[in-house]
PDB file of N, CA and C in Angstrom:
ATOM      1  N   MET A   1       1.097  -1.482  -0.175  1.00  0.00           N
ATOM      2  CA  MET A   1       0.152   0.219   0.149  1.00  0.00           C
ATOM      3  C   MET A   1       0.977   0.972   0.255  1.00  0.00           C
ATOM      4  N   THR A   2       0.513   2.263  -0.931  1.00  0.00           N
ATOM      5  CA  THR A   2       1.241   3.595  -0.938  1.00  0.00           C
ATOM      6  C   THR A   2       0.058   4.626  -0.933  1.00  0.00           C
ATOM      7  N   CYS A   3       0.368   5.998  -0.831  1.00  0.00           N
ATOM      8  CA  CYS A   3      -0.055   7.080  -1.021  1.00  0.00           C
ATOM      9  C   CYS A   3       0.808   7.992  -1.858  1.00  0.00           C
ATOM     10  N   GLN A   4       0.335   9.187  -2.239  1.00  0.00           N
ATOM     11  CA  GLN A   4       0.449   9.966  -3.324  1.00  0.00           C
ATOM     12  C   GLN A   4       1.682  10.760  -2.913  1.00  0.00           C
ATOM     13  N   HIS A   5       1.728  10.873  -1.576  1.00  0.00           N
ATOM     14  CA  HIS A   5       2.672  11.319  -0.592  1.00  0.00           C
ATOM     15  C   HIS A   5       4.311  10.775  -0.669  1.00  0.00           C
ATOM     16  N   LEU A   6       4.058   9.529  -0.734  1.00  0.00           N
ATOM     17  CA  LEU A   6       5.191   8.645  -0.620  1.00  0.00           C
ATOM     18  C   LEU A   6       6.006   8.520  -2.483  1.00  0.00           C
ATOM     19  N   LYS A   7       4.575   8.431  -2.918  1.00  0.00           N
ATOM     20  CA  LYS A   7       4.971   8.392  -4.493  1.00  0.00           C
ATOM     21  C   LYS A   7       5.769   9.660  -5.144  1.00  0.00           C
ATOM     22  N   GLU A   8       5.159  10.911  -4.227  1.00  0.00           N
ATOM     23  CA  GLU A   8       5.676  12.028  -4.837  1.00  0.00           C
ATOM     24  C   GLU A   8       6.979  12.689  -3.947  1.00  0.00           C
ATOM     25  N   ALA A   9       7.931  11.814  -2.778  1.00  0.00           N
ATOM     26  CA  ALA A   9       8.427  12.411  -1.935  1.00  0.00           C
ATOM     27  C   ALA A   9       9.894  11.907  -2.851  1.00  0.00           C
ATOM     28  N   GLY A  10      10.849  13.216  -2.434  1.00  0.00           N
ATOM     29  CA  GLY A  10      12.408  13.400  -2.972  1.00  0.00           C
ATOM     30  C   GLY A  10      12.897  12.445  -2.318  1.00  0.00           C
ATOM     31  N   ALA A  11      14.289  12.729  -2.590  1.00  0.00           N
ATOM     32  CA  ALA A  11      15.483  12.029  -2.037  1.00  0.00           C
ATOM     33  C   ALA A  11      16.622  13.227  -1.532  1.00  0.00           C
ATOM     34  N   PRO A  12      16.159  14.009  -0.803  1.00  0.00           N
ATOM     35  CA  PRO A  12      17.026  14.975  -0.580  1.00  0.00           C
ATOM     36  C   PRO A  12      18.476  14.967   0.014  1.00  0.00           C
ATOM     37  N   GLU A  13      19.707  15.123   0.138  1.00  0.00           N
ATOM     38  CA  GLU A  13      20.929  14.961   1.191  1.00  0.00           C
ATOM     39  C   GLU A  13      20.360  16.060   2.062  1.00  0.00           C
ATOM     40  N   PRO A  14      21.003  15.473   3.456  1.00  0.00           N
ATOM     41  CA  PRO A  14      20.692  16.561   4.496  1.00  0.00           C
ATOM     42  C   PRO A  14      21.116  18.289   4.023  1.00  0.00           C
ATOM     43  N   ARG A  15      20.086  18.885   4.933  1.00  0.00           N
ATOM     44  CA  ARG A  15      20.621  20.344   4.671  1.00  0.00           C
ATOM     45  C   ARG A  15      21.632  21.176   5.246  1.00  0.00           C
ATOM     46  N   ALA A  16      22.273  20.377   6.712  1.00  0.00           N
ATOM     47  CA  ALA A  16      22.954  20.808   6.839  1.00  0.00           C
ATOM     48  C   ALA A  16      24.134  20.098   7.258  1.00  0.00           C
ATOM     49  N   PRO A  17      25.204  20.681   7.489  1.00  0.00           N
ATOM     50  CA  PRO A  17      26.517  19.509   7.599  1.00  0.00           C
ATOM     51  C   PRO A  17      26.243  18.696   8.581  1.00  0.00           C
ATOM     52  N   TYR A  18      26.159  17.541   8.485  1.00  0.00           N
ATOM     53  CA  TYR A  18      25.929  16.228   9.398  1.00  0.00           C
ATOM     54  C   TYR A  18      27.215  15.694  10.137  1.00  0.00           C
ATOM     55  N   GLU A  19      27.165  15.418  11.503  1.00  0.00           N
ATOM     56  CA  GLU A  19      28.283  15.166  12.300  1.00  0.00           C
ATOM     57  C   GLU A  19      27.723  13.816  13.172  1.00  0.00           C
ATOM     58  N   GLY A  20      26.740  13.375  13.143  1.00  0.00           N
ATOM     59  CA  GLY A  20      26.405  12.312  14.014  1.00  0.00           C
ATOM     60  C   GLY A  20      25.481  13.159  14.839  1.00  0.00           C
ATOM     61  N   GLY A  21      24.258  12.457  15.082  1.00  0.00           N
ATOM     62  CA  GLY A  21      23.395  12.433  16.495  1.00  0.00           C
ATOM     63  C   GLY A  21      22.279  13.501  16.014  1.00  0.00           C
ATOM     64  N   CYS A  22      21.455  13.558  16.712  1.00  0.00           N
ATOM     65  CA  CYS A  22      19.978  14.819  16.263  1.00  0.00           C
ATOM     66  C   CYS A  22      21.176  15.924  16.432  1.00  0.00           C
ATOM     67  N   PRO A  23      20.938  16.643  15.533  1.00  0.00           N
ATOM     68  CA  PRO A  23      21.469  17.983  15.812  1.00  0.00           C
ATOM     69  C   PRO A  23      21.129  19.239  16.904  1.00  0.00           C
ATOM     70  N   GLU A  24      19.451  18.749  16.708  1.00  0.00           N
ATOM     71  CA  GLU A  24      18.820  19.866  18.015  1.00  0.00           C
ATOM     72  C   GLU A  24      19.186  19.015  19.311  1.00  0.00           C
ATOM     73  N   CYS A  25      19.100  17.814  19.395  1.00  0.00           N
ATOM     74  CA  CYS A  25      19.200  17.070  20.808  1.00  0.00           C
ATOM     75  C   CYS A  25      21.014  17.591  21.036  1.00  0.00           C
ATOM     76  N   VAL A  26      21.875  17.484  20.051  1.00  0.00           N
ATOM     77  CA  VAL A  26      23.349  17.681  20.379  1.00  0.00           C
ATOM     78  C   VAL A  26      23.582  19.150  20.784  1.00  0.00           C
ATOM     79  N   ALA A  27      22.696  19.920  19.992  1.00  0.00           N
ATOM     80  CA  ALA A  27      22.793  21.610  19.961  1.00  0.00           C
ATOM     81  C   ALA A  27      22.301  21.882  21.645  1.00  0.00           C
ATOM     82  N   ASP A  28      21.445  21.106  22.078  1.00  0.00           N
ATOM     83  CA  ASP A  28      20.913  21.538  23.887  1.00  0.00           C
ATOM     84  C   ASP A  28      21.424  20.480  24.636  1.00  0.00           C
ATOM     85  N   GLY A  29      22.586  20.074  24.237  1.00  0.00           N
ATOM     86  CA  GLY A  29      23.290  19.389  24.787  1.00  0.00           C
ATOM     87  C   GLY A  29      22.750  17.868  25.459  1.00  0.00           C
ATOM     88  N   HIS A  30      21.856  17.307  24.885  1.00  0.00           N
ATOM     89  CA  HIS A  30      21.468  16.001  25.174  1.00  0.00           C
ATOM     90  C   HIS A  30      22.154  15.235  24.215  1.00  0.00           C
ATOM     91  N   HIS A  31      22.343  13.894  24.701  1.00  0.00           N
ATOM     92  CA  HIS A  31      22.803  12.838  23.853  1.00  0.00           C
ATOM     93  C   HIS A  31      22.174  11.653  24.124  1.00  0.00           C
ATOM     94  N   ASP A  32      20.841  11.664  24.162  1.00  0.00           N
ATOM     95  CA  ASP A  32      20.013  10.247  24.549  1.00  0.00           C
ATOM     96  C   ASP A  32      18.993  10.145  23.300  1.00  0.00           C
ATOM     97  N   TRP A  33      19.140  10.634  21.919  1.00  0.00           N
ATOM     98  CA  TRP A  33      18.453  10.697  21.059  1.00  0.00           C
ATOM     99  C   TRP A  33      18.708   8.945  20.767  1.00  0.00           C
ATOM    100  N   VAL A  34      17.721   8.130  19.716  1.00  0.00           N
ATOM    101  CA  VAL A  34      17.792   7.163  19.348  1.00  0.00           C
ATOM    102  C   VAL A  34      18.155   6.665  18.353  1.00  0.00           C
ATOM    103  N   HIS A  35      17.281   7.116  17.330  1.00  0.00           N
ATOM    104  CA  HIS A  35      17.491   6.914  15.931  1.00  0.00           C
ATOM    105  C   HIS A  35      17.231   8.162  15.146  1.00  0.00           C
ATOM    106  N   LEU A  36      17.796   7.997  13.833  1.00  0.00           N
ATOM    107  CA  LEU A  36      17.569   9.651  13.263  1.00  0.00           C
ATOM    108  C   LEU A  36      16.578   9.257  12.137  1.00  0.00           C
ATOM    109  N   ARG A  37      16.062  10.115  11.780  1.00  0.00           N
ATOM    110  CA  ARG A  37      15.345  10.178  10.411  1.00  0.00           C
ATOM    111  C   ARG A  37      15.611  11.493   9.624  1.00  0.00           C
ATOM    112  N   LEU A  38      15.215  11.308   8.041  1.00  0.00           N
ATOM    113  CA  LEU A  38      15.405  12.877   7.283  1.00  0.00           C
ATOM    114  C   LEU A  38      14.009  12.964   6.684  1.00  0.00           C
ATOM    115  N   CYS A  39      14.132  13.983   6.394  1.00  0.00           N
ATOM    116  CA  CYS A  39      12.853  14.447   6.046  1.00  0.00           C
ATOM    117  C   CYS A  39      13.222  14.701   4.496  1.00  0.00           C
ATOM    118  N   LEU A  40      12.037  14.030   3.837  1.00  0.00           N
ATOM    119  CA  LEU A  40      12.012  13.787   2.123  1.00  0.00           C
ATOM    120  C   LEU A  40      11.566  15.013   2.077  1.00  0.00           C
ATOM    121  N   GLY A  41      11.000  16.048   2.442  1.00  0.00           N
ATOM    122  CA  GLY A  41      10.651  17.388   2.192  1.00  0.00           C
ATOM    123  C   GLY A  41      11.982  18.467   1.838  1.00  0.00           C
ATOM    124  N   CYS A  42      13.016  18.806   3.008  1.00  0.00           N
ATOM    125  CA  CYS A  42      13.485  19.696   3.118  1.00  0.00           C
ATOM    126  C   CYS A  42      15.309  18.988   3.386  1.00  0.00           C
ATOM    127  N   GLY A  43      15.335  17.666   3.979  1.00  0.00           N
ATOM    128  CA  GLY A  43      16.482  17.439   4.426  1.00  0.00           C
ATOM    129  C   GLY A  43      16.995  17.218   5.711  1.00  0.00           C
ATOM    130  N   HIS A  44      15.943  18.009   6.479  1.00  0.00           N
ATOM    131  CA  HIS A  44      16.481  17.944   7.614  1.00  0.00           C
ATOM    132  C   HIS A  44      16.287  16.811   8.416  1.00  0.00           C
ATOM    133  N   VAL A  45      17.249  16.570   9.119  1.00  0.00           N
ATOM    134  CA  VAL A  45      17.985  15.540  10.073  1.00  0.00           C
ATOM    135  C   VAL A  45      17.365  15.628  11.334  1.00  0.00           C
ATOM    136  N   ALA A  46      16.470  14.665  11.992  1.00  0.00           N
ATOM    137  CA  ALA A  46      16.196  14.821  13.491  1.00  0.00           C
ATOM    138  C   ALA A  46      16.013  13.738  14.266  1.00  0.00           C
ATOM    139  N   CYS A  47      15.891  13.472  15.295  1.00  0.00           N
ATOM    140  CA  CYS A  47      15.490  11.985  15.919  1.00  0.00           C
ATOM    141  C   CYS A  47      14.160  11.781  15.973  1.00  0.00           C
ATOM    142  N   CYS A  48      13.912  10.169  16.351  1.00  0.00           N
ATOM    143  CA  CYS A  48      12.771   9.597  16.199  1.00  0.00           C
ATOM    144  C   CYS A  48      11.857   9.627  17.363  1.00  0.00           C
ATOM    145  N   ASP A  49      10.421   9.029  17.042  1.00  0.00           N
ATOM    146  CA  ASP A  49       9.717   9.327  18.157  1.00  0.00           C
ATOM    147  C   ASP A  49      10.014   8.221  19.346  1.00  0.00           C
ATOM    148  N   SER A  50      11.141   7.290  18.954  1.00  0.00           N
ATOM    149  CA  SER A  50      11.216   6.802  20.592  1.00  0.00           C
ATOM    150  C   SER A  50      12.657   7.483  20.996  1.00  0.00           C
ATOM    151  N   SER A  51      12.623   8.572  20.899  1.00  0.00           N
ATOM    152  CA  SER A  51      13.607   9.752  21.720  1.00  0.00           C
ATOM    153  C   SER A  51      12.420  10.588  22.619  1.00  0.00           C
ATOM    154  N   PRO A  52      13.125  11.038  23.531  1.00  0.00           N
ATOM    155  CA  PRO A  52      12.765  11.725  24.422  1.00  0.00           C
ATOM    156  C   PRO A  52      12.060  13.232  23.592  1.00  0.00           C
ATOM    157  N   ARG A  53      12.551  13.659  22.398  1.00  0.00           N
ATOM    158  CA  ARG A  53      12.313  15.142  22.133  1.00  0.00           C
ATOM    159  C   ARG A  53      11.468  14.963  20.667  1.00  0.00           C
ATOM    160  N   ARG A  54      11.359  13.610  20.287  1.00  0.00           N
ATOM    161  CA  ARG A  54      10.519  13.541  18.928  1.00  0.00           C
ATOM    162  C   ARG A  54      10.717  14.803  18.018  1.00  0.00           C
ATOM    163  N   HIS A  55      11.986  15.142  17.635  1.00  0.00           N
ATOM    164  CA  HIS A  55      12.320  16.301  16.986  1.00  0.00           C
ATOM    165  C   HIS A  55      11.602  15.938  15.350  1.00  0.00           C
ATOM    166  N   MET A  56      11.534  15.060  14.730  1.00  0.00           N
ATOM    167  CA  MET A  56      11.247  14.883  13.440  1.00  0.00           C
ATOM    168  C   MET A  56       9.586  14.996  13.632  1.00  0.00           C
ATOM    169  N   SER A  57       8.841  14.502  14.489  1.00  0.00           N
ATOM    170  CA  SER A  57       7.537  14.691  14.660  1.00  0.00           C
ATOM    171  C   SER A  57       7.225  15.989  14.568  1.00  0.00           C
ATOM    172  N   ARG A  58       8.235  16.741  15.660  1.00  0.00           N
ATOM    173  CA  ARG A  58       7.979  18.098  15.896  1.00  0.00           C
ATOM    174  C   ARG A  58       8.395  18.911  14.403  1.00  0.00           C
ATOM    175  N   HIS A  59       9.065  18.283  13.590  1.00  0.00           N
ATOM    176  CA  HIS A  59       9.528  19.202  12.077  1.00  0.00           C
ATOM    177  C   HIS A  59       8.400  18.976  11.597  1.00  0.00           C
ATOM    178  N   HIS A  60       7.607  17.629  11.598  1.00  0.00           N
ATOM    179  CA  HIS A  60       6.400  17.503  10.718  1.00  0.00           C
ATOM    180  C   HIS A  60       5.039  18.325  11.045  1.00  0.00           C
ATOM    181  N   GLU A  61       4.896  18.438  12.333  1.00  0.00           N
ATOM    182  CA  GLU A  61       3.601  19.233  12.933  1.00  0.00           C
ATOM    183  C   GLU A  61       4.302  20.811  12.679  1.00  0.00           C
ATOM    184  N   THR A  62       5.691  21.236  12.441  1.00  0.00           N
ATOM    185  CA  THR A  62       5.782  22.700  12.105  1.00  0.00           C
ATOM    186  C   THR A  62       5.638  23.027  10.623  1.00  0.00           C
ATOM    187  N   GLU A  63       6.514  22.184  10.202  1.00  0.00           N
ATOM    188  CA  GLU A  63       6.802  22.265   8.578  1.00  0.00           C
ATOM    189  C   GLU A  63       5.292  22.012   7.820  1.00  0.00           C
ATOM    190  N   ASP A  64       5.065  20.697   8.209  1.00  0.00           N
ATOM    191  CA  ASP A  64       3.756  20.385   7.235  1.00  0.00           C
ATOM    192  C   ASP A  64       4.424  19.349   6.126  1.00  0.00           C
ATOM    193  N   HIS A  65       5.757  18.891   6.219  1.00  0.00           N
ATOM    194  CA  HIS A  65       6.417  18.204   5.400  1.00  0.00           C
ATOM    195  C   HIS A  65       5.919  16.469   5.528  1.00  0.00           C
ATOM    196  N   PRO A  66       5.328  16.107   4.472  1.00  0.00           N
ATOM    197  CA  PRO A  66       4.233  14.704   4.534  1.00  0.00           C
ATOM    198  C   PRO A  66       5.319  13.529   5.115  1.00  0.00           C
ATOM    199  N   VAL A  67       6.537  13.254   4.443  1.00  0.00           N
ATOM    200  CA  VAL A  67       7.352  12.372   4.263  1.00  0.00           C
ATOM    201  C   VAL A  67       8.470  12.411   4.922  1.00  0.00           C
ATOM    202  N   MET A  68       8.903  11.245   5.814  1.00  0.00           N
ATOM    203  CA  MET A  68      10.581  11.150   6.071  1.00  0.00           C
ATOM    204  C   MET A  68      10.830  10.010   5.920  1.00  0.00           C
ATOM    205  N   ARG A  69      12.094   9.793   5.890  1.00  0.00           N
ATOM    206  CA  ARG A  69      12.687   8.180   5.731  1.00  0.00           C
ATOM    207  C   ARG A  69      13.774   7.975   6.993  1.00  0.00           C
ATOM    208  N   SER A  70      13.975   6.780   7.443  1.00  0.00           N
ATOM    209  CA  SER A  70      14.970   6.423   8.345  1.00  0.00           C
ATOM    210  C   SER A  70      16.308   6.703   7.736  1.00  0.00           C
ATOM    211  N   TYR A  71      17.199   7.165   8.807  1.00  0.00           N
ATOM    212  CA  TYR A  71      18.410   7.668   8.466  1.00  0.00           C
ATOM    213  C   TYR A  71      19.704   6.774   9.342  1.00  0.00           C
ATOM    214  N   GLU A  72      19.120   5.841   9.507  1.00  0.00           N
ATOM    215  CA  GLU A  72      20.094   4.715   9.991  1.00  0.00           C
ATOM    216  C   GLU A  72      20.338   4.147   8.747  1.00  0.00           C
ATOM    217  N   PRO A  73      21.914   3.577   9.091  1.00  0.00           N
ATOM    218  CA  PRO A  73      22.347   2.715   8.027  1.00  0.00           C
ATOM    219  C   PRO A  73      21.621   1.467   7.667  1.00  0.00           C
ATOM    220  N   GLY A  74      21.821   1.205   6.445  1.00  0.00           N
ATOM    221  CA  GLY A  74      20.942  -0.016   6.145  1.00  0.00           C
ATOM    222  C   GLY A  74      19.822  -0.201   5.897  1.00  0.00           C
ATOM    223  N   GLU A  75      18.718   1.203   6.300  1.00  0.00           N
ATOM    224  CA  GLU A  75      17.245   1.170   6.497  1.00  0.00           C
ATOM    225  C   GLU A  75      16.816   2.084   5.458  1.00  0.00           C
ATOM    226  N   THR A  76      15.770   1.632   4.791  1.00  0.00           N
ATOM    227  CA  THR A  76      15.563   2.249   3.547  1.00  0.00           C
ATOM    228  C   THR A  76      13.813   2.632   3.274  1.00  0.00           C
ATOM    229  N   TRP A  77      13.423   2.493   4.832  1.00  0.00           N
ATOM    230  CA  TRP A  77      11.799   2.730   4.833  1.00  0.00           C
ATOM    231  C   TRP A  77      11.451   3.926   4.904  1.00  0.00           C
ATOM    232  N   ARG A  78      10.420   4.718   4.498  1.00  0.00           N
ATOM    233  CA  ARG A  78      10.014   6.027   4.618  1.00  0.00           C
ATOM    234  C   ARG A  78       8.461   5.858   5.512  1.00  0.00           C
ATOM    235  N   TRP A  79       8.438   7.133   5.963  1.00  0.00           N
ATOM    236  CA  TRP A  79       6.869   7.001   6.543  1.00  0.00           C
ATOM    237  C   TRP A  79       6.533   8.164   6.141  1.00  0.00           C
ATOM    238  N   CYS A  80       4.661   7.925   5.773  1.00  0.00           N
ATOM    239  CA  CYS A  80       4.008   9.424   5.433  1.00  0.00           C
ATOM    240  C   CYS A  80       3.120   9.787   7.127  1.00  0.00           C
ATOM    241  N   PHE A  81       3.684  10.904   7.149  1.00  0.00           N
ATOM    242  CA  PHE A  81       2.709  11.319   8.643  1.00  0.00           C
ATOM    243  C   PHE A  81       1.836  11.944   8.201  1.00  0.00           C
ATOM    244  N   VAL A  82       0.906  11.827   6.917  1.00  0.00           N
ATOM    245  CA  VAL A  82      -0.358  12.395   6.604  1.00  0.00           C
ATOM    246  C   VAL A  82      -1.179  11.115   6.709  1.00  0.00           C
ATOM    247  N   ASP A  83      -0.764  10.567   5.971  1.00  0.00           N
ATOM    248  CA  ASP A  83      -1.619   8.945   5.586  1.00  0.00           C
ATOM    249  C   ASP A  83      -1.283   8.072   6.783  1.00  0.00           C
ATOM    250  N   GLU A  84      -0.572   8.232   7.216  1.00  0.00           N
ATOM    251  CA  GLU A  84      -0.030   7.127   8.567  1.00  0.00           C
ATOM    252  C   GLU A  84       0.240   6.099   7.477  1.00  0.00           C
ATOM    253  N   ILE A  85       1.319   5.640   6.417  1.00  0.00           N
ATOM    254  CA  ILE A  85       1.588   4.378   5.894  1.00  0.00           C
ATOM    255  C   ILE A  85       3.076   4.462   5.726  1.00  0.00           C
ATOM    256  N   LEU A  86       3.292   3.169   5.829  1.00  0.00           N
ATOM    257  CA  LEU A  86       4.981   2.803   6.011  1.00  0.00           C
ATOM    258  C   LEU A  86       5.051   2.570   4.510  1.00  0.00           C
ATOM    259  N   GLY A  87       6.171   3.151   3.985  1.00  0.00           N
ATOM    260  CA  GLY A  87       6.376   2.696   2.467  1.00  0.00           C
ATOM    261  C   GLY A  87       7.973   2.446   2.150  1.00  0.00           C
TER     262      GLY A  87
END
């Protein structure tokens, strides 16, 4: 099953130099992020919903970008926030 958002999602590179960890967590002095996600709308890298601050979900709520993907090595799955579909 898929949706239009997943079909149209791009494949951007991270929009800022990436040095490891959730950039927002690291900037605030936190190192307890769990996994990383990449916004396919703009290339923003942020932590997952298993992390205490859930920065990628916050990014979606603020920016309304519909699709993100795992940014973990070896993982290629994507998630549509709007239609709640894994792709």
